[in-house]
Amino acid sequence: MGTLNGKSASIRLLRDEDFQRLCGLASEVHRLKSGVRFLIQAARLVAKHQDSESIEMLVRCASMLGESTVLPERTGHGTFELTAEDLADSPDAGDIDVDNIPRPSIG
């Protein structure tokens, strides 16, 4: 992981594998948050109305949350590499004159 610090923002650079894992975990948290919200509403309903239907709804919400499977995580994409054929199609693709790339002035 790396960090690029600019004047207006900081940008984090992650490996694709790490990004996919974090994205999967964020989706899982969002899904659990919705389930917990339903569970809290069912518990409030039982607090107000202690009938068998309300209690059954609370038990179902709790069991659904506990039985839900973990979402799968993606492994990401393969690495990008230029083949010899790609380089042959574009003769100057591998020749980059680094010294002549315009750069912002400092100061």
PDB file of N, CA and C in Angstrom:
ATOM      1  N   MET A   1       0.849  -1.165   0.000  1.00  0.00           N
ATOM      2  CA  MET A   1       0.000   0.000   0.000  1.00  0.00           C
ATOM      3  C   MET A   1       0.893   1.226   0.000  1.00  0.00           C
ATOM      4  N   GLY A   2       0.472   2.228  -0.695  1.00  0.00           N
ATOM      5  CA  GLY A   2       1.221   3.468  -0.746  1.00  0.00           C
ATOM      6  C   GLY A   2       0.281   4.650  -0.640  1.00  0.00           C
ATOM      7  N   THR A   3       0.852   5.819  -0.432  1.00  0.00           N
ATOM      8  CA  THR A   3       0.065   7.033  -0.294  1.00  0.00           C
ATOM      9  C   THR A   3       0.647   8.122  -1.170  1.00  0.00           C
ATOM     10  N   LEU A   4      -0.214   8.792  -1.928  1.00  0.00           N
ATOM     11  CA  LEU A   4       0.160   9.985  -2.671  1.00  0.00           C
ATOM     12  C   LEU A   4      -0.493  11.162  -1.973  1.00  0.00           C
ATOM     13  N   ASN A   5       0.294  12.106  -1.516  1.00  0.00           N
ATOM     14  CA  ASN A   5      -0.251  13.276  -0.841  1.00  0.00           C
ATOM     15  C   ASN A   5      -0.231  14.459  -1.793  1.00  0.00           C
ATOM     16  N   GLY A   6      -1.385  15.037  -2.001  1.00  0.00           N
ATOM     17  CA  GLY A   6      -1.510  16.234  -2.828  1.00  0.00           C
ATOM     18  C   GLY A   6      -1.972  17.389  -1.978  1.00  0.00           C
ATOM     19  N   LYS A   7      -2.138  18.545  -2.606  1.00  0.00           N
ATOM     20  CA  LYS A   7      -2.591  19.726  -1.861  1.00  0.00           C
ATOM     21  C   LYS A   7      -4.021  19.570  -1.366  1.00  0.00           C
ATOM     22  N   SER A   8      -4.863  18.945  -2.186  1.00  0.00           N
ATOM     23  CA  SER A   8      -6.277  18.872  -1.814  1.00  0.00           C
ATOM     24  C   SER A   8      -6.738  17.489  -1.373  1.00  0.00           C
ATOM     25  N   ALA A   9      -5.893  16.454  -1.561  1.00  0.00           N
ATOM     26  CA  ALA A   9      -6.346  15.107  -1.210  1.00  0.00           C
ATOM     27  C   ALA A   9      -5.162  14.175  -1.014  1.00  0.00           C
ATOM     28  N   SER A  10      -5.422  13.115  -0.276  1.00  0.00           N
ATOM     29  CA  SER A  10      -4.478  12.010  -0.157  1.00  0.00           C
ATOM     30  C   SER A  10      -5.082  10.816  -0.873  1.00  0.00           C
ATOM     31  N   ILE A  11      -4.276  10.137  -1.654  1.00  0.00           N
ATOM     32  CA  ILE A  11      -4.754   9.003  -2.438  1.00  0.00           C
ATOM     33  C   ILE A  11      -4.008   7.763  -1.977  1.00  0.00           C
ATOM     34  N   ARG A  12      -4.757   6.706  -1.654  1.00  0.00           N
ATOM     35  CA  ARG A  12      -4.167   5.439  -1.235  1.00  0.00           C
ATOM     36  C   ARG A  12      -4.067   4.510  -2.430  1.00  0.00           C
ATOM     37  N   LEU A  13      -2.933   3.891  -2.586  1.00  0.00           N
ATOM     38  CA  LEU A  13      -2.720   2.906  -3.642  1.00  0.00           C
ATOM     39  C   LEU A  13      -2.716   1.528  -2.993  1.00  0.00           C
ATOM     40  N   LEU A  14      -3.575   0.641  -3.508  1.00  0.00           N
ATOM     41  CA  LEU A  14      -3.690  -0.709  -2.961  1.00  0.00           C
ATOM     42  C   LEU A  14      -3.456  -1.736  -4.057  1.00  0.00           C
ATOM     43  N   ARG A  15      -2.995  -2.894  -3.658  1.00  0.00           N
ATOM     44  CA  ARG A  15      -2.972  -4.017  -4.589  1.00  0.00           C
ATOM     45  C   ARG A  15      -4.412  -4.393  -4.875  1.00  0.00           C
ATOM     46  N   ASP A  16      -4.663  -4.914  -6.064  1.00  0.00           N
ATOM     47  CA  ASP A  16      -6.025  -5.276  -6.446  1.00  0.00           C
ATOM     48  C   ASP A  16      -6.611  -6.297  -5.480  1.00  0.00           C
ATOM     49  N   GLU A  17      -5.804  -7.236  -5.037  1.00  0.00           N
ATOM     50  CA  GLU A  17      -6.261  -8.264  -4.094  1.00  0.00           C
ATOM     51  C   GLU A  17      -6.753  -7.621  -2.791  1.00  0.00           C
ATOM     52  N   ASP A  18      -6.009  -6.638  -2.280  1.00  0.00           N
ATOM     53  CA  ASP A  18      -6.413  -5.956  -1.047  1.00  0.00           C
ATOM     54  C   ASP A  18      -7.671  -5.129  -1.261  1.00  0.00           C
ATOM     55  N   PHE A  19      -7.767  -4.457  -2.427  1.00  0.00           N
ATOM     56  CA  PHE A  19      -8.949  -3.669  -2.722  1.00  0.00           C
ATOM     57  C   PHE A  19     -10.192  -4.546  -2.791  1.00  0.00           C
ATOM     58  N   GLN A  20     -10.090  -5.697  -3.472  1.00  0.00           N
ATOM     59  CA  GLN A  20     -11.234  -6.600  -3.594  1.00  0.00           C
ATOM     60  C   GLN A  20     -11.669  -7.109  -2.220  1.00  0.00           C
ATOM     61  N   ARG A  21     -10.705  -7.385  -1.358  1.00  0.00           N
ATOM     62  CA  ARG A  21     -11.026  -7.852  -0.007  1.00  0.00           C
ATOM     63  C   ARG A  21     -11.740  -6.760   0.781  1.00  0.00           C
ATOM     64  N   LEU A  22     -11.241  -5.534   0.731  1.00  0.00           N
ATOM     65  CA  LEU A  22     -11.878  -4.424   1.443  1.00  0.00           C
ATOM     66  C   LEU A  22     -13.273  -4.132   0.891  1.00  0.00           C
ATOM     67  N   CYS A  23     -13.418  -4.225  -0.420  1.00  0.00           N
ATOM     68  CA  CYS A  23     -14.726  -3.993  -1.036  1.00  0.00           C
ATOM     69  C   CYS A  23     -15.725  -5.071  -0.592  1.00  0.00           C
ATOM     70  N   GLY A  24     -15.269  -6.324  -0.522  1.00  0.00           N
ATOM     71  CA  GLY A  24     -16.135  -7.416  -0.043  1.00  0.00           C
ATOM     72  C   GLY A  24     -16.531  -7.233   1.408  1.00  0.00           C
ATOM     73  N   LEU A  25     -15.579  -6.795   2.234  1.00  0.00           N
ATOM     74  CA  LEU A  25     -15.884  -6.562   3.648  1.00  0.00           C
ATOM     75  C   LEU A  25     -16.868  -5.404   3.811  1.00  0.00           C
ATOM     76  N   ALA A  26     -16.715  -4.359   3.013  1.00  0.00           N
ATOM     77  CA  ALA A  26     -17.641  -3.225   3.083  1.00  0.00           C
ATOM     78  C   ALA A  26     -19.053  -3.653   2.687  1.00  0.00           C
ATOM     79  N   SER A  27     -19.166  -4.506   1.669  1.00  0.00           N
ATOM     80  CA  SER A  27     -20.485  -5.013   1.267  1.00  0.00           C
ATOM     81  C   SER A  27     -21.103  -5.853   2.375  1.00  0.00           C
ATOM     82  N   GLU A  28     -20.260  -6.649   3.039  1.00  0.00           N
ATOM     83  CA  GLU A  28     -20.737  -7.492   4.138  1.00  0.00           C
ATOM     84  C   GLU A  28     -21.241  -6.631   5.305  1.00  0.00           C
ATOM     85  N   VAL A  29     -20.509  -5.589   5.632  1.00  0.00           N
ATOM     86  CA  VAL A  29     -20.924  -4.689   6.716  1.00  0.00           C
ATOM     87  C   VAL A  29     -22.241  -4.022   6.368  1.00  0.00           C
ATOM     88  N   HIS A  30     -22.397  -3.578   5.127  1.00  0.00           N
ATOM     89  CA  HIS A  30     -23.646  -2.934   4.702  1.00  0.00           C
ATOM     90  C   HIS A  30     -24.820  -3.903   4.815  1.00  0.00           C
ATOM     91  N   ARG A  31     -24.601  -5.157   4.410  1.00  0.00           N
ATOM     92  CA  ARG A  31     -25.664  -6.166   4.491  1.00  0.00           C
ATOM     93  C   ARG A  31     -26.032  -6.467   5.941  1.00  0.00           C
ATOM     94  N   LEU A  32     -25.023  -6.608   6.793  1.00  0.00           N
ATOM     95  CA  LEU A  32     -25.291  -6.871   8.214  1.00  0.00           C
ATOM     96  C   LEU A  32     -25.996  -5.690   8.877  1.00  0.00           C
ATOM     97  N   LYS A  33     -25.625  -4.490   8.477  1.00  0.00           N
ATOM     98  CA  LYS A  33     -26.257  -3.290   9.030  1.00  0.00           C
ATOM     99  C   LYS A  33     -27.756  -3.299   8.751  1.00  0.00           C
ATOM    100  N   SER A  34     -28.139  -3.694   7.537  1.00  0.00           N
ATOM    101  CA  SER A  34     -29.566  -3.781   7.207  1.00  0.00           C
ATOM    102  C   SER A  34     -30.252  -4.858   8.041  1.00  0.00           C
ATOM    103  N   GLY A  35     -29.596  -6.002   8.231  1.00  0.00           N
ATOM    104  CA  GLY A  35     -30.176  -7.074   9.036  1.00  0.00           C
ATOM    105  C   GLY A  35     -30.354  -6.680  10.487  1.00  0.00           C
ATOM    106  N   VAL A  36     -29.367  -5.972  11.030  1.00  0.00           N
ATOM    107  CA  VAL A  36     -29.461  -5.525  12.423  1.00  0.00           C
ATOM    108  C   VAL A  36     -30.582  -4.494  12.569  1.00  0.00           C
ATOM    109  N   ARG A  37     -30.769  -3.672  11.556  1.00  0.00           N
ATOM    110  CA  ARG A  37     -31.856  -2.686  11.591  1.00  0.00           C
ATOM    111  C   ARG A  37     -33.213  -3.384  11.699  1.00  0.00           C
ATOM    112  N   PHE A  38     -33.420  -4.462  10.921  1.00  0.00           N
ATOM    113  CA  PHE A  38     -34.670  -5.226  11.004  1.00  0.00           C
ATOM    114  C   PHE A  38     -34.806  -5.888  12.374  1.00  0.00           C
ATOM    115  N   LEU A  39     -33.710  -6.390  12.905  1.00  0.00           N
ATOM    116  CA  LEU A  39     -33.730  -7.037  14.212  1.00  0.00           C
ATOM    117  C   LEU A  39     -34.127  -6.050  15.310  1.00  0.00           C
ATOM    118  N   ILE A  40     -33.605  -4.846  15.247  1.00  0.00           N
ATOM    119  CA  ILE A  40     -33.951  -3.807  16.244  1.00  0.00           C
ATOM    120  C   ILE A  40     -35.424  -3.441  16.135  1.00  0.00           C
ATOM    121  N   GLN A  41     -35.929  -3.312  14.902  1.00  0.00           N
ATOM    122  CA  GLN A  41     -37.352  -2.992  14.726  1.00  0.00           C
ATOM    123  C   GLN A  41     -38.237  -4.106  15.282  1.00  0.00           C
ATOM    124  N   ALA A  42     -37.845  -5.356  15.070  1.00  0.00           N
ATOM    125  CA  ALA A  42     -38.616  -6.486  15.600  1.00  0.00           C
ATOM    126  C   ALA A  42     -38.572  -6.494  17.126  1.00  0.00           C
ATOM    127  N   ALA A  43     -37.414  -6.160  17.710  1.00  0.00           N
ATOM    128  CA  ALA A  43     -37.308  -6.111  19.172  1.00  0.00           C
ATOM    129  C   ALA A  43     -38.181  -4.999  19.743  1.00  0.00           C
ATOM    130  N   ARG A  44     -38.234  -3.861  19.055  1.00  0.00           N
ATOM    131  CA  ARG A  44     -39.110  -2.756  19.513  1.00  0.00           C
ATOM    132  C   ARG A  44     -40.581  -3.163  19.437  1.00  0.00           C
ATOM    133  N   LEU A  45     -40.902  -3.929  18.391  1.00  0.00           N
ATOM    134  CA  LEU A  45     -42.279  -4.402  18.252  1.00  0.00           C
ATOM    135  C   LEU A  45     -42.655  -5.341  19.398  1.00  0.00           C
ATOM    136  N   VAL A  46     -41.723  -6.219  19.775  1.00  0.00           N
ATOM    137  CA  VAL A  46     -41.978  -7.135  20.896  1.00  0.00           C
ATOM    138  C   VAL A  46     -42.101  -6.351  22.193  1.00  0.00           C
ATOM    139  N   ALA A  47     -41.324  -5.287  22.360  1.00  0.00           N
ATOM    140  CA  ALA A  47     -41.405  -4.476  23.575  1.00  0.00           C
ATOM    141  C   ALA A  47     -42.784  -3.829  23.713  1.00  0.00           C
ATOM    142  N   LYS A  48     -43.373  -3.424  22.578  1.00  0.00           N
ATOM    143  CA  LYS A  48     -44.695  -2.792  22.616  1.00  0.00           C
ATOM    144  C   LYS A  48     -45.818  -3.823  22.683  1.00  0.00           C
ATOM    145  N   HIS A  49     -45.704  -4.853  21.868  1.00  0.00           N
ATOM    146  CA  HIS A  49     -46.758  -5.852  21.755  1.00  0.00           C
ATOM    147  C   HIS A  49     -46.152  -7.231  22.010  1.00  0.00           C
ATOM    148  N   GLN A  50     -46.389  -7.771  23.131  1.00  0.00           N
ATOM    149  CA  GLN A  50     -45.779  -9.044  23.489  1.00  0.00           C
ATOM    150  C   GLN A  50     -46.681 -10.217  23.101  1.00  0.00           C
ATOM    151  N   ASP A  51     -47.167 -10.164  21.865  1.00  0.00           N
ATOM    152  CA  ASP A  51     -47.993 -11.283  21.390  1.00  0.00           C
ATOM    153  C   ASP A  51     -47.109 -12.296  20.647  1.00  0.00           C
ATOM    154  N   SER A  52     -47.686 -13.440  20.329  1.00  0.00           N
ATOM    155  CA  SER A  52     -46.905 -14.534  19.733  1.00  0.00           C
ATOM    156  C   SER A  52     -46.389 -14.182  18.341  1.00  0.00           C
ATOM    157  N   GLU A  53     -47.131 -13.399  17.559  1.00  0.00           N
ATOM    158  CA  GLU A  53     -46.697 -13.022  16.215  1.00  0.00           C
ATOM    159  C   GLU A  53     -45.457 -12.125  16.267  1.00  0.00           C
ATOM    160  N   SER A  54     -45.431 -11.191  17.186  1.00  0.00           N
ATOM    161  CA  SER A  54     -44.280 -10.292  17.325  1.00  0.00           C
ATOM    162  C   SER A  54     -43.041 -11.056  17.770  1.00  0.00           C
ATOM    163  N   ILE A  55     -43.235 -11.958  18.718  1.00  0.00           N
ATOM    164  CA  ILE A  55     -42.102 -12.762  19.201  1.00  0.00           C
ATOM    165  C   ILE A  55     -41.592 -13.668  18.089  1.00  0.00           C
ATOM    166  N   GLU A  56     -42.497 -14.239  17.305  1.00  0.00           N
ATOM    167  CA  GLU A  56     -42.089 -15.089  16.187  1.00  0.00           C
ATOM    168  C   GLU A  56     -41.289 -14.288  15.157  1.00  0.00           C
ATOM    169  N   MET A  57     -41.713 -13.040  14.890  1.00  0.00           N
ATOM    170  CA  MET A  57     -40.980 -12.195  13.950  1.00  0.00           C
ATOM    171  C   MET A  57     -39.569 -11.892  14.466  1.00  0.00           C
ATOM    172  N   LEU A  58     -39.437 -11.623  15.755  1.00  0.00           N
ATOM    173  CA  LEU A  58     -38.120 -11.367  16.346  1.00  0.00           C
ATOM    174  C   LEU A  58     -37.223 -12.592  16.220  1.00  0.00           C
ATOM    175  N   VAL A  59     -37.766 -13.767  16.504  1.00  0.00           N
ATOM    176  CA  VAL A  59     -36.983 -14.998  16.398  1.00  0.00           C
ATOM    177  C   VAL A  59     -36.565 -15.240  14.952  1.00  0.00           C
ATOM    178  N   ARG A  60     -37.470 -15.005  13.996  1.00  0.00           N
ATOM    179  CA  ARG A  60     -37.129 -15.189  12.579  1.00  0.00           C
ATOM    180  C   ARG A  60     -36.047 -14.215  12.133  1.00  0.00           C
ATOM    181  N   CYS A  61     -36.154 -12.956  12.542  1.00  0.00           N
ATOM    182  CA  CYS A  61     -35.132 -11.967  12.168  1.00  0.00           C
ATOM    183  C   CYS A  61     -33.768 -12.355  12.733  1.00  0.00           C
ATOM    184  N   ALA A  62     -33.754 -12.783  13.983  1.00  0.00           N
ATOM    185  CA  ALA A  62     -32.484 -13.173  14.608  1.00  0.00           C
ATOM    186  C   ALA A  62     -31.891 -14.397  13.920  1.00  0.00           C
ATOM    187  N   SER A  63     -32.743 -15.366  13.578  1.00  0.00           N
ATOM    188  CA  SER A  63     -32.213 -16.574  12.938  1.00  0.00           C
ATOM    189  C   SER A  63     -31.761 -16.294  11.512  1.00  0.00           C
ATOM    190  N   MET A  64     -32.463 -15.425  10.802  1.00  0.00           N
ATOM    191  CA  MET A  64     -32.053 -15.078   9.442  1.00  0.00           C
ATOM    192  C   MET A  64     -30.695 -14.378   9.446  1.00  0.00           C
ATOM    193  N   LEU A  65     -30.484 -13.520  10.406  1.00  0.00           N
ATOM    194  CA  LEU A  65     -29.207 -12.812  10.502  1.00  0.00           C
ATOM    195  C   LEU A  65     -28.085 -13.782  10.841  1.00  0.00           C
ATOM    196  N   GLY A  66     -28.355 -14.722  11.728  1.00  0.00           N
ATOM    197  CA  GLY A  66     -27.333 -15.692  12.110  1.00  0.00           C
ATOM    198  C   GLY A  66     -27.039 -16.721  11.034  1.00  0.00           C
ATOM    199  N   GLU A  67     -28.032 -17.043  10.213  1.00  0.00           N
ATOM    200  CA  GLU A  67     -27.862 -18.068   9.185  1.00  0.00           C
ATOM    201  C   GLU A  67     -27.367 -17.518   7.860  1.00  0.00           C
ATOM    202  N   SER A  68     -27.302 -16.204   7.720  1.00  0.00           N
ATOM    203  CA  SER A  68     -26.897 -15.648   6.427  1.00  0.00           C
ATOM    204  C   SER A  68     -25.445 -15.985   6.139  1.00  0.00           C
ATOM    205  N   THR A  69     -25.198 -16.360   4.909  1.00  0.00           N
ATOM    206  CA  THR A  69     -23.848 -16.752   4.516  1.00  0.00           C
ATOM    207  C   THR A  69     -23.007 -15.514   4.238  1.00  0.00           C
ATOM    208  N   VAL A  70     -21.720 -15.672   4.388  1.00  0.00           N
ATOM    209  CA  VAL A  70     -20.797 -14.575   4.111  1.00  0.00           C
ATOM    210  C   VAL A  70     -20.717 -14.395   2.602  1.00  0.00           C
ATOM    211  N   LEU A  71     -20.725 -13.144   2.170  1.00  0.00           N
ATOM    212  CA  LEU A  71     -20.637 -12.873   0.738  1.00  0.00           C
ATOM    213  C   LEU A  71     -19.263 -13.269   0.214  1.00  0.00           C
ATOM    214  N   PRO A  72     -19.194 -13.780  -1.000  1.00  0.00           N
ATOM    215  CA  PRO A  72     -17.887 -14.162  -1.556  1.00  0.00           C
ATOM    216  C   PRO A  72     -17.056 -12.924  -1.886  1.00  0.00           C
ATOM    217  N   GLU A  73     -15.745 -13.091  -1.841  1.00  0.00           N
ATOM    218  CA  GLU A  73     -14.836 -12.010  -2.199  1.00  0.00           C
ATOM    219  C   GLU A  73     -14.218 -12.330  -3.542  1.00  0.00           C
ATOM    220  N   ARG A  74     -14.060 -11.310  -4.351  1.00  0.00           N
ATOM    221  CA  ARG A  74     -13.425 -11.496  -5.651  1.00  0.00           C
ATOM    222  C   ARG A  74     -11.918 -11.570  -5.475  1.00  0.00           C
ATOM    223  N   THR A  75     -11.291 -12.295  -6.356  1.00  0.00           N
ATOM    224  CA  THR A  75      -9.832 -12.384  -6.288  1.00  0.00           C
ATOM    225  C   THR A  75      -9.176 -11.282  -7.090  1.00  0.00           C
ATOM    226  N   GLY A  76      -9.916 -10.556  -7.896  1.00  0.00           N
ATOM    227  CA  GLY A  76      -9.343  -9.464  -8.676  1.00  0.00           C
ATOM    228  C   GLY A  76      -8.975  -9.916 -10.072  1.00  0.00           C
ATOM    229  N   HIS A  77      -8.225  -9.078 -10.727  1.00  0.00           N
ATOM    230  CA  HIS A  77      -7.853  -9.314 -12.112  1.00  0.00           C
ATOM    231  C   HIS A  77      -6.404  -9.756 -12.187  1.00  0.00           C
ATOM    232  N   GLY A  78      -6.063 -10.397 -13.276  1.00  0.00           N
ATOM    233  CA  GLY A  78      -4.675 -10.799 -13.505  1.00  0.00           C
ATOM    234  C   GLY A  78      -3.812  -9.585 -13.818  1.00  0.00           C
ATOM    235  N   THR A  79      -2.522  -9.789 -13.839  1.00  0.00           N
ATOM    236  CA  THR A  79      -1.619  -8.678 -14.126  1.00  0.00           C
ATOM    237  C   THR A  79      -1.661  -8.347 -15.615  1.00  0.00           C
ATOM    238  N   PHE A  80      -1.321  -7.117 -15.924  1.00  0.00           N
ATOM    239  CA  PHE A  80      -1.294  -6.654 -17.308  1.00  0.00           C
ATOM    240  C   PHE A  80       0.136  -6.690 -17.808  1.00  0.00           C
ATOM    241  N   GLU A  81       0.354  -7.413 -18.893  1.00  0.00           N
ATOM    242  CA  GLU A  81       1.680  -7.496 -19.483  1.00  0.00           C
ATOM    243  C   GLU A  81       1.554  -7.381 -20.985  1.00  0.00           C
ATOM    244  N   LEU A  82       2.466  -6.640 -21.603  1.00  0.00           N
ATOM    245  CA  LEU A  82       2.499  -6.532 -23.054  1.00  0.00           C
ATOM    246  C   LEU A  82       3.216  -7.750 -23.624  1.00  0.00           C
ATOM    247  N   THR A  83       2.606  -8.331 -24.621  1.00  0.00           N
ATOM    248  CA  THR A  83       3.233  -9.477 -25.275  1.00  0.00           C
ATOM    249  C   THR A  83       4.164  -8.976 -26.378  1.00  0.00           C
ATOM    250  N   ALA A  84       4.981  -9.870 -26.893  1.00  0.00           N
ATOM    251  CA  ALA A  84       5.881  -9.516 -27.993  1.00  0.00           C
ATOM    252  C   ALA A  84       5.078  -9.075 -29.208  1.00  0.00           C
ATOM    253  N   GLU A  85       3.911  -9.667 -29.403  1.00  0.00           N
ATOM    254  CA  GLU A  85       3.042  -9.291 -30.526  1.00  0.00           C
ATOM    255  C   GLU A  85       2.522  -7.858 -30.349  1.00  0.00           C
ATOM    256  N   ASP A  86       2.140  -7.495 -29.115  1.00  0.00           N
ATOM    257  CA  ASP A  86       1.691  -6.132 -28.843  1.00  0.00           C
ATOM    258  C   ASP A  86       2.791  -5.120 -29.137  1.00  0.00           C
ATOM    259  N   LEU A  87       4.002  -5.441 -28.730  1.00  0.00           N
ATOM    260  CA  LEU A  87       5.127  -4.549 -28.966  1.00  0.00           C
ATOM    261  C   LEU A  87       5.464  -4.445 -30.443  1.00  0.00           C
ATOM    262  N   ALA A  88       5.275  -5.542 -31.181  1.00  0.00           N
ATOM    263  CA  ALA A  88       5.551  -5.526 -32.619  1.00  0.00           C
ATOM    264  C   ALA A  88       4.538  -4.655 -33.362  1.00  0.00           C
ATOM    265  N   ASP A  89       3.305  -4.607 -32.890  1.00  0.00           N
ATOM    266  CA  ASP A  89       2.272  -3.780 -33.524  1.00  0.00           C
ATOM    267  C   ASP A  89       2.560  -2.298 -33.365  1.00  0.00           C
ATOM    268  N   SER A  90       3.209  -1.918 -32.294  1.00  0.00           N
ATOM    269  CA  SER A  90       3.529  -0.518 -32.026  1.00  0.00           C
ATOM    270  C   SER A  90       5.024  -0.407 -31.767  1.00  0.00           C
ATOM    271  N   PRO A  91       5.800  -0.070 -32.785  1.00  0.00           N
ATOM    272  CA  PRO A  91       7.250  -0.107 -32.649  1.00  0.00           C
ATOM    273  C   PRO A  91       7.817   0.833 -31.585  1.00  0.00           C
ATOM    274  N   ASP A  92       7.144   1.931 -31.276  1.00  0.00           N
ATOM    275  CA  ASP A  92       7.695   2.847 -30.274  1.00  0.00           C
ATOM    276  C   ASP A  92       7.025   2.709 -28.912  1.00  0.00           C
ATOM    277  N   ALA A  93       6.255   1.623 -28.684  1.00  0.00           N
ATOM    278  CA  ALA A  93       5.530   1.446 -27.425  1.00  0.00           C
ATOM    279  C   ALA A  93       6.469   1.304 -26.233  1.00  0.00           C
ATOM    280  N   GLY A  94       7.617   0.689 -26.427  1.00  0.00           N
ATOM    281  CA  GLY A  94       8.532   0.490 -25.317  1.00  0.00           C
ATOM    282  C   GLY A  94       9.538   1.607 -25.154  1.00  0.00           C
ATOM    283  N   ASP A  95       9.567   2.567 -26.089  1.00  0.00           N
ATOM    284  CA  ASP A  95      10.540   3.653 -26.054  1.00  0.00           C
ATOM    285  C   ASP A  95       9.897   4.922 -25.523  1.00  0.00           C
ATOM    286  N   ILE A  96      10.074   5.182 -24.266  1.00  0.00           N
ATOM    287  CA  ILE A  96       9.539   6.396 -23.656  1.00  0.00           C
ATOM    288  C   ILE A  96      10.720   7.250 -23.232  1.00  0.00           C
ATOM    289  N   ASP A  97      10.733   8.473 -23.740  1.00  0.00           N
ATOM    290  CA  ASP A  97      11.806   9.397 -23.395  1.00  0.00           C
ATOM    291  C   ASP A  97      11.439  10.091 -22.082  1.00  0.00           C
ATOM    292  N   VAL A  98      11.891   9.526 -20.993  1.00  0.00           N
ATOM    293  CA  VAL A  98      11.523  10.011 -19.659  1.00  0.00           C
ATOM    294  C   VAL A  98      12.022  11.432 -19.420  1.00  0.00           C
ATOM    295  N   ASP A  99      13.149  11.792 -19.993  1.00  0.00           N
ATOM    296  CA  ASP A  99      13.715  13.126 -19.765  1.00  0.00           C
ATOM    297  C   ASP A  99      12.882  14.238 -20.398  1.00  0.00           C
ATOM    298  N   ASN A 100      12.073  13.921 -21.395  1.00  0.00           N
ATOM    299  CA  ASN A 100      11.296  14.955 -22.079  1.00  0.00           C
ATOM    300  C   ASN A 100       9.815  14.973 -21.692  1.00  0.00           C
ATOM    301  N   ILE A 101       9.452  14.304 -20.614  1.00  0.00           N
ATOM    302  CA  ILE A 101       8.074  14.330 -20.129  1.00  0.00           C
ATOM    303  C   ILE A 101       7.864  15.652 -19.391  1.00  0.00           C
ATOM    304  N   PRO A 102       6.840  16.453 -19.762  1.00  0.00           N
ATOM    305  CA  PRO A 102       6.606  17.729 -19.060  1.00  0.00           C
ATOM    306  C   PRO A 102       6.288  17.485 -17.586  1.00  0.00           C
ATOM    307  N   ARG A 103       6.890  18.265 -16.733  1.00  0.00           N
ATOM    308  CA  ARG A 103       6.675  18.138 -15.307  1.00  0.00           C
ATOM    309  C   ARG A 103       6.203  19.479 -14.745  1.00  0.00           C
ATOM    310  N   PRO A 104       5.363  19.454 -13.696  1.00  0.00           N
ATOM    311  CA  PRO A 104       4.932  20.721 -13.097  1.00  0.00           C
ATOM    312  C   PRO A 104       6.121  21.403 -12.402  1.00  0.00           C
ATOM    313  N   SER A 105       6.097  22.713 -12.445  1.00  0.00           N
ATOM    314  CA  SER A 105       7.178  23.447 -11.794  1.00  0.00           C
ATOM    315  C   SER A 105       6.917  23.537 -10.299  1.00  0.00           C
ATOM    316  N   ILE A 106       7.960  23.483  -9.535  1.00  0.00           N
ATOM    317  CA  ILE A 106       7.847  23.554  -8.070  1.00  0.00           C
ATOM    318  C   ILE A 106       8.248  24.960  -7.659  1.00  0.00           C
ATOM    319  N   GLY A 107       7.379  25.575  -6.887  1.00  0.00           N
ATOM    320  CA  GLY A 107       7.756  26.873  -6.358  1.00  0.00           C
ATOM    321  C   GLY A 107       6.864  27.907  -6.799  1.00  0.00           C
TER     322      GLY A 107
END
